[in-house]
Structure formats: structure tokens, C-alpha cells
Amino acid sequence: MIIDLKYHIASLVAVFLALGIGILVGSAVLGENVNDVIMKQQKQMVDDLNRNFDKIRKDNIVAKEEISAYKTALNISKQFEKQLLPSLVVNKLAGKKLAIVETSNYGFNNDWINTLKLAGAEVLSITTILDEISLADQKARKDIATKLMLLDSSETNLTKEIAAEIAVGVMTAQNIENLQYFEQYGLINTSGQYGEPIDAVIFVGGSQTDLKDRCVKLDIPMMEYFLSQDIQVYGVEASEVEYSYMKQYQKLKVSTIDNIDMIPGQVSLVMAVYGEQGNYGLKNTAKQLWPTIPRE
């Protein structure tokens, strides 16, 4: 951590002022002999403070130099990863048709989707669950229950039914009208083609805020549906989410990647879809950093 010099300078000025006031008070009250002793002690304190200040300044310079060196090394590493990426993933997923379901609330960078495409995969659809899925509003629950012809409009039941509708829509598009209704109501965003045969579904989870048991009520039922239809499921999230979904995903024995925002995580996802199943990444839920890359 870089030491804030302004803070320390202000602190030292305050100390010097206090010492000055102490000297004046000592001179007036204690006389010259005692004052000489106090002045010597205070001079020693000032000298010590000066030495500490010099050390802090030097340490700060060293820290800045180290951080600069780390940044340079990190930039070189990232450039190397980008240059190496194509040779690691090219054509690994040729012919694979994928769907993406984003249940997180932090958004994601398209870099990893581009990596899937670089590997030869076709991303048919991206379905994003919006925060309004909490269904806290009673009128909203009633409207949606009426649309789905449900008697039970409780939040728990509606979330379960919406999860099922989204999963079916991604796979078959038989209920595309319901997906369009959800989108108009602000529950989801959709893009791409729905109803075409897919080989796998990638769930983007994790959260920056506490969404309680949303993962259990929403992600898990959808994952279970796809697995019951013999569709491969993968769970991913960014490395710096506050609330990880990895433990919940792994209960279903699916492959997980907890650093999809990094190139090693993107390579791990490609290799997992390719056939190297496992739990990869940086968190304590990961079994290893990334999978073995098969030699051609």
C-alpha cells in the first residue's frame, strides 16, 4: 500500500506545533534549568520524527517503484496471454451450439463470448435475468400469475415457474410468447435465436449484492431442467464477485469456472466444453487453475 505523504506531513506539522507550544509553556512555568532538559528531550523527539519521515518518504518511493514494476509485468503477461489464446482454443469447439443464461447482476464483458466464437462455437442466444425477478410487488405477481394461468401467485412459486418457462423457451421456443411477455414486463432481456438444438448452456452467476436464495430458486431449477434433457451445463462467474455461486453450481456436478473475466478462465471454459470437465479458477471452490490442454 502506498503511504499517503500528505497525511504524514500534516501529522508531523501538528506534532511540531504541539512541541512548540510545550516549549513556550515549559519556559514560562518551569524555569531555565528544567526547560533545558525539556528542550533536549524535545529536540531528540524532533530528530526521531525527522528520521521517521525520511524513512517513510524512502519507503513510499520504493513502493511506487515496485507497483510500477508489477504493472509492467502484468501488462506483459496479459499481452502474452492474448497472443497465446488463439493457438490454445482455435477450432476446439467447432460445430458446438451454445446458449447463455445470465443470472448475475453485474453484467459481463463480451471478451469471453468472443473466445467461444474464436474456438468455433456458435452462441445462439443470450438470456439475461434482470433484478426485477425478485417479484416483491404484489400487482406484478398477480399479473404474471394470470398470464401463466397460475393459482399460486406467491413469490416462491412464481420464481420457480418463470425459471421453468425461461428454460423451456431457451431450448424449444414453444412458449416464446411468454418470454416476450417477461421481456416487456422488465424481467428478462433476450437476444439471438431460440428453439434451435443446443449442445450446452452456460450460466453466468455470481453477484455483487446479496440476492438471498435467488441462485437456489432460479439458477438451480433451470440447470436441472437442461440436465434432465441431456444438455451439458456449465457455470461461470467473474473473479471479483462478492457473492459466489460456485458451491451451489457444483452440487449439480457441473463444470465451473470462477475467473471467466480472465484469459486463463476463458481457456478453461473452452476446454471444459471440449470435454475436460472440472472446477477451475482461483477461489477455494476450484480444484485447479485450468485443465490439461490436449495436444493435437
Protein backbone atom coordinates (compact mmCIF):
# COMPACT_ATOMS: atom_id res chain seq x y z
CA MET A 1 0.00 0.00 0.00
CA ILE A 2 1.35 3.47 -0.91
CA ILE A 3 1.77 5.68 2.14
CA ASP A 4 -0.14 8.97 1.94
CA LEU A 5 2.58 11.61 2.35
CA LYS A 6 0.07 14.45 2.76
CA TYR A 7 -1.41 12.70 5.78
CA HIS A 8 2.00 12.17 7.39
CA ILE A 9 3.15 15.73 6.66
CA ALA A 10 0.00 17.09 8.30
CA SER A 11 0.59 14.81 11.29
CA LEU A 12 4.20 15.96 11.64
CA VAL A 13 3.20 19.63 11.43
CA ALA A 14 0.72 19.05 14.23
CA VAL A 15 3.43 17.39 16.32
CA PHE A 16 5.83 20.30 15.72
CA LEU A 17 3.17 22.81 16.74
CA ALA A 18 2.47 20.83 19.89
CA LEU A 19 6.19 20.75 20.71
CA GLY A 20 6.46 24.49 20.16
CA ILE A 21 3.58 25.16 22.49
CA GLY A 22 5.14 22.80 25.02
CA ILE A 23 8.43 24.70 24.89
CA LEU A 24 6.71 28.04 25.49
CA VAL A 25 4.68 26.70 28.38
CA GLY A 26 7.73 24.98 29.87
CA SER A 27 9.79 28.17 29.67
CA ALA A 28 7.15 30.20 31.46
CA VAL A 29 6.40 27.71 34.22
CA LEU A 30 9.47 25.61 34.96
CA GLY A 31 12.40 27.97 34.56
CA GLU A 32 15.58 27.75 32.53
CA ASN A 33 17.23 24.63 34.04
CA VAL A 34 14.22 22.42 33.71
CA ASN A 35 13.48 23.97 30.37
CA ASP A 36 16.93 22.97 29.06
CA VAL A 37 16.21 19.34 29.88
CA ILE A 38 12.80 19.51 28.21
CA MET A 39 14.26 21.19 25.15
CA LYS A 40 16.87 18.45 24.80
CA GLN A 41 14.19 15.79 25.06
CA GLN A 42 12.00 17.60 22.57
CA LYS A 43 14.93 18.06 20.20
CA GLN A 44 15.55 14.32 20.39
CA MET A 45 11.89 13.72 19.57
CA VAL A 46 12.08 16.09 16.61
CA ASP A 47 15.20 14.35 15.32
CA ASP A 48 13.46 10.98 15.65
CA LEU A 49 10.44 12.31 13.80
CA ASN A 50 12.65 13.64 11.02
CA ARG A 51 14.34 10.26 10.67
CA ASN A 52 10.94 8.52 10.58
CA PHE A 53 9.70 10.96 7.98
CA ASP A 54 12.76 10.32 5.80
CA LYS A 55 12.19 6.56 6.11
CA ILE A 56 8.52 6.91 5.22
CA ARG A 57 9.42 9.01 2.17
CA LYS A 58 12.01 6.46 1.02
CA ASP A 59 9.61 3.55 1.62
CA ASN A 60 6.97 5.36 -0.40
CA ILE A 61 9.36 5.78 -3.32
CA VAL A 62 10.29 2.10 -3.17
CA ALA A 63 6.61 1.10 -3.03
CA LYS A 64 5.81 3.22 -6.10
CA GLU A 65 8.72 1.68 -8.00
CA GLU A 66 7.59 -1.84 -7.05
CA ILE A 67 4.00 -1.15 -8.11
CA SER A 68 5.23 0.26 -11.40
CA ALA A 69 7.29 -2.88 -11.98
CA TYR A 70 4.32 -5.12 -11.12
CA LYS A 71 2.09 -3.21 -13.55
CA THR A 72 4.66 -3.56 -16.30
CA ALA A 73 5.00 -7.30 -15.65
CA LEU A 74 1.19 -7.68 -15.56
CA ASN A 75 0.77 -5.85 -18.87
CA ILE A 76 3.41 -8.07 -20.47
CA SER A 77 1.67 -11.16 -19.09
CA LYS A 78 -1.70 -10.02 -20.45
CA GLN A 79 -0.21 -9.32 -23.88
CA PHE A 80 1.37 -12.78 -23.88
CA GLU A 81 -1.94 -14.39 -22.92
CA LYS A 82 -3.77 -12.58 -25.73
CA GLN A 83 -1.20 -13.68 -28.27
CA LEU A 84 -1.25 -17.26 -26.98
CA LEU A 85 -5.05 -17.54 -26.73
CA PRO A 86 -5.88 -18.32 -30.40
CA SER A 87 -3.44 -21.22 -30.60
CA LEU A 88 -4.92 -22.74 -27.42
CA VAL A 89 -8.59 -22.65 -28.40
CA VAL A 90 -8.87 -22.46 -32.19
CA ASN A 91 -11.40 -24.97 -33.58
CA LYS A 92 -11.72 -26.72 -30.21
CA LEU A 93 -15.50 -26.14 -30.25
CA ALA A 94 -16.15 -26.28 -33.99
CA GLY A 95 -19.83 -27.05 -34.59
CA LYS A 96 -20.90 -26.56 -30.96
CA LYS A 97 -24.14 -24.61 -30.48
CA LEU A 98 -24.40 -22.82 -27.16
CA ALA A 99 -26.95 -20.81 -25.18
CA ILE A 100 -26.04 -18.35 -22.41
CA VAL A 101 -28.20 -17.56 -19.39
CA GLU A 102 -27.00 -14.63 -17.29
CA THR A 103 -28.49 -14.58 -13.80
CA SER A 104 -25.85 -12.32 -12.23
CA ASN A 105 -26.43 -8.62 -11.57
CA TYR A 106 -23.04 -7.17 -12.50
CA GLY A 107 -23.00 -7.52 -16.28
CA PHE A 108 -20.17 -9.13 -18.13
CA ASN A 109 -17.60 -8.34 -20.75
CA ASN A 110 -18.10 -9.88 -24.17
CA ASP A 111 -14.44 -10.96 -24.36
CA TRP A 112 -15.20 -14.49 -23.20
CA ILE A 113 -18.05 -14.83 -25.69
CA ASN A 114 -15.62 -13.79 -28.41
CA THR A 115 -13.27 -16.52 -27.13
CA LEU A 116 -16.05 -19.10 -27.55
CA LYS A 117 -16.58 -17.89 -31.11
CA LEU A 118 -12.83 -17.99 -31.73
CA ALA A 119 -12.94 -21.62 -30.64
CA GLY A 120 -15.54 -22.28 -33.34
CA ALA A 121 -18.69 -22.33 -31.20
CA GLU A 122 -21.92 -20.65 -32.24
CA VAL A 123 -23.68 -18.68 -29.49
CA LEU A 124 -27.33 -18.97 -30.44
CA SER A 125 -28.96 -16.98 -27.65
CA ILE A 126 -28.22 -14.85 -24.61
CA THR A 127 -30.92 -14.54 -21.94
CA THR A 128 -30.35 -12.05 -19.15
CA ILE A 129 -32.39 -12.20 -15.95
CA LEU A 130 -32.95 -8.70 -14.61
CA ASP A 131 -33.07 -7.67 -10.95
CA GLU A 132 -36.87 -7.24 -11.07
CA ILE A 133 -37.13 -11.03 -10.92
CA SER A 134 -37.40 -10.61 -7.13
CA LEU A 135 -41.16 -10.15 -7.69
CA ALA A 136 -41.64 -8.20 -4.48
CA ASP A 137 -44.55 -6.24 -5.98
CA GLN A 138 -47.92 -7.90 -5.37
CA LYS A 139 -49.55 -6.48 -8.51
CA ALA A 140 -46.68 -7.74 -10.66
CA ARG A 141 -47.05 -11.20 -9.19
CA LYS A 142 -50.79 -11.19 -9.86
CA ASP A 143 -50.32 -10.05 -13.47
CA ILE A 144 -47.69 -12.72 -14.19
CA ALA A 145 -49.70 -15.44 -12.45
CA THR A 146 -52.69 -14.52 -14.63
CA LYS A 147 -50.54 -14.67 -17.76
CA LEU A 148 -49.21 -18.11 -16.82
CA MET A 149 -52.64 -19.27 -15.60
CA LEU A 150 -51.41 -19.99 -12.09
CA LEU A 151 -53.49 -20.04 -8.94
CA ASP A 152 -50.49 -19.61 -6.62
CA SER A 153 -49.02 -16.12 -7.07
CA SER A 154 -46.52 -16.34 -4.22
CA GLU A 155 -43.03 -15.09 -4.96
CA THR A 156 -41.50 -18.53 -4.43
CA ASN A 157 -43.90 -20.28 -6.79
CA LEU A 158 -43.72 -17.57 -9.46
CA THR A 159 -39.92 -17.57 -9.45
CA LYS A 160 -39.97 -21.35 -9.93
CA GLU A 161 -42.50 -21.12 -12.78
CA ILE A 162 -40.62 -18.28 -14.50
CA ALA A 163 -37.38 -20.28 -14.27
CA ALA A 164 -39.13 -23.23 -15.93
CA GLU A 165 -40.61 -21.03 -18.66
CA ILE A 166 -37.23 -19.48 -19.44
CA ALA A 167 -35.52 -22.88 -19.60
CA VAL A 168 -38.17 -24.29 -21.91
CA GLY A 169 -38.06 -21.16 -24.05
CA VAL A 170 -34.30 -21.31 -24.49
CA MET A 171 -34.48 -24.93 -25.58
CA THR A 172 -37.72 -25.21 -27.58
CA ALA A 173 -39.18 -21.69 -28.06
CA GLN A 174 -42.64 -23.27 -27.79
CA ASN A 175 -43.54 -20.63 -25.23
CA ILE A 176 -41.79 -17.72 -26.95
CA GLU A 177 -44.86 -15.56 -26.29
CA ASN A 178 -44.25 -15.91 -22.55
CA LEU A 179 -40.59 -14.93 -22.95
CA GLN A 180 -41.69 -11.85 -24.88
CA TYR A 181 -44.14 -11.04 -22.08
CA PHE A 182 -41.38 -11.38 -19.46
CA GLU A 183 -39.21 -9.05 -21.51
CA GLN A 184 -41.97 -6.46 -21.83
CA TYR A 185 -42.50 -6.66 -18.08
CA GLY A 186 -38.80 -5.99 -17.46
CA LEU A 187 -37.95 -9.42 -16.09
CA ILE A 188 -35.52 -10.51 -18.81
CA ASN A 189 -33.62 -9.40 -21.88
CA THR A 190 -33.32 -11.75 -24.84
CA SER A 191 -31.16 -11.81 -27.94
CA GLY A 192 -30.40 -14.36 -30.62
CA GLN A 193 -32.25 -17.45 -31.83
CA TYR A 194 -34.45 -19.57 -29.59
CA GLY A 195 -35.69 -23.09 -30.17
CA GLU A 196 -32.77 -24.39 -32.23
CA PRO A 197 -30.96 -27.52 -30.96
CA ILE A 198 -28.21 -26.65 -28.47
CA ASP A 199 -25.29 -28.68 -27.16
CA ALA A 200 -24.74 -26.80 -23.91
CA VAL A 201 -25.95 -23.94 -21.73
CA ILE A 202 -23.55 -21.64 -19.91
CA PHE A 203 -24.87 -19.95 -16.76
CA VAL A 204 -23.26 -16.67 -15.73
CA GLY A 205 -23.75 -16.34 -11.98
CA GLY A 206 -22.27 -14.57 -9.02
CA SER A 207 -23.42 -11.27 -7.59
CA GLN A 208 -22.11 -8.01 -6.21
CA THR A 209 -25.07 -7.69 -3.82
CA ASP A 210 -26.76 -10.22 -1.58
CA LEU A 211 -29.63 -11.70 -3.61
CA LYS A 212 -30.51 -14.14 -0.83
CA ASP A 213 -31.54 -17.53 -2.22
CA ARG A 214 -32.02 -16.37 -5.81
CA CYS A 215 -29.45 -18.87 -7.07
CA VAL A 216 -31.32 -21.77 -5.45
CA LYS A 217 -34.73 -20.58 -6.69
CA LEU A 218 -33.68 -19.53 -10.19
CA ASP A 219 -30.37 -20.93 -11.41
CA ILE A 220 -30.59 -24.42 -9.97
CA PRO A 221 -34.08 -25.31 -11.33
CA MET A 222 -33.07 -24.16 -14.82
CA MET A 223 -29.83 -26.11 -14.66
CA GLU A 224 -31.70 -29.20 -13.51
CA TYR A 225 -34.11 -28.87 -16.44
CA PHE A 226 -31.34 -28.75 -19.02
CA LEU A 227 -29.50 -31.63 -17.38
CA SER A 228 -32.70 -33.69 -17.45
CA GLN A 229 -32.81 -33.07 -21.21
CA ASP A 230 -29.22 -34.35 -21.60
CA ILE A 231 -27.91 -30.84 -22.30
CA GLN A 232 -24.49 -30.07 -20.84
CA VAL A 233 -24.45 -27.24 -18.30
CA TYR A 234 -21.53 -25.03 -17.23
CA GLY A 235 -21.41 -22.39 -14.50
CA VAL A 236 -19.15 -19.35 -14.70
CA GLU A 237 -18.63 -16.10 -12.83
CA ALA A 238 -16.13 -13.26 -12.62
CA SER A 239 -13.17 -13.45 -10.25
CA GLU A 240 -14.18 -10.50 -8.05
CA VAL A 241 -17.87 -11.11 -7.31
CA GLU A 242 -18.90 -10.53 -3.70
CA TYR A 243 -21.26 -13.50 -3.58
CA SER A 244 -20.10 -16.62 -5.41
CA TYR A 245 -22.49 -19.22 -6.88
CA MET A 246 -19.80 -21.85 -7.39
CA LYS A 247 -20.71 -24.02 -4.39
CA GLN A 248 -24.35 -24.16 -5.42
CA TYR A 249 -23.49 -24.96 -9.04
CA GLN A 250 -21.08 -27.70 -8.02
CA LYS A 251 -23.81 -29.51 -6.10
CA LEU A 252 -25.16 -30.47 -9.53
CA LYS A 253 -21.76 -31.90 -10.53
CA VAL A 254 -21.35 -29.42 -13.38
CA SER A 255 -18.08 -27.88 -14.51
CA THR A 256 -17.41 -24.40 -13.11
CA ILE A 257 -15.03 -21.56 -13.90
CA ASP A 258 -14.74 -18.76 -11.33
CA ASN A 259 -12.49 -16.37 -13.29
CA ILE A 260 -14.24 -16.04 -16.63
CA ASP A 261 -13.12 -12.39 -16.84
CA MET A 262 -9.52 -13.60 -17.26
CA ILE A 263 -7.97 -15.33 -20.25
CA PRO A 264 -6.99 -18.44 -18.21
CA GLY A 265 -10.66 -18.72 -17.20
CA GLN A 266 -11.79 -18.38 -20.81
CA VAL A 267 -9.39 -21.13 -21.86
CA SER A 268 -10.75 -23.27 -19.00
CA LEU A 269 -14.31 -22.81 -20.25
CA VAL A 270 -13.37 -23.78 -23.80
CA MET A 271 -11.54 -26.87 -22.54
CA ALA A 272 -14.45 -27.80 -20.25
CA VAL A 273 -16.94 -27.63 -23.12
CA TYR A 274 -14.41 -29.53 -25.24
CA GLY A 275 -14.55 -32.36 -22.72
CA GLU A 276 -12.13 -31.58 -19.90
CA GLN A 277 -14.73 -31.44 -17.11
CA GLY A 278 -13.77 -29.92 -13.76
CA ASN A 279 -13.87 -26.96 -11.38
CA TYR A 280 -11.36 -24.34 -12.44
CA GLY A 281 -10.22 -20.93 -11.27
CA LEU A 282 -8.76 -19.02 -8.36
CA LYS A 283 -11.24 -19.43 -5.49
CA ASN A 284 -11.26 -22.07 -2.80
CA THR A 285 -14.05 -23.88 -4.65
CA ALA A 286 -11.73 -24.54 -7.60
CA LYS A 287 -9.82 -27.81 -7.83
CA GLN A 288 -7.16 -26.46 -10.18
CA LEU A 289 -6.27 -23.30 -12.09
CA TRP A 290 -7.08 -24.68 -15.50
CA PRO A 291 -7.44 -28.03 -17.24
CA THR A 292 -4.90 -30.01 -19.16
CA ILE A 293 -4.81 -28.82 -22.76
CA PRO A 294 -4.82 -31.83 -25.10
CA ARG A 295 -2.11 -31.96 -27.71
CA GLU A 296 -3.31 -32.18 -31.28
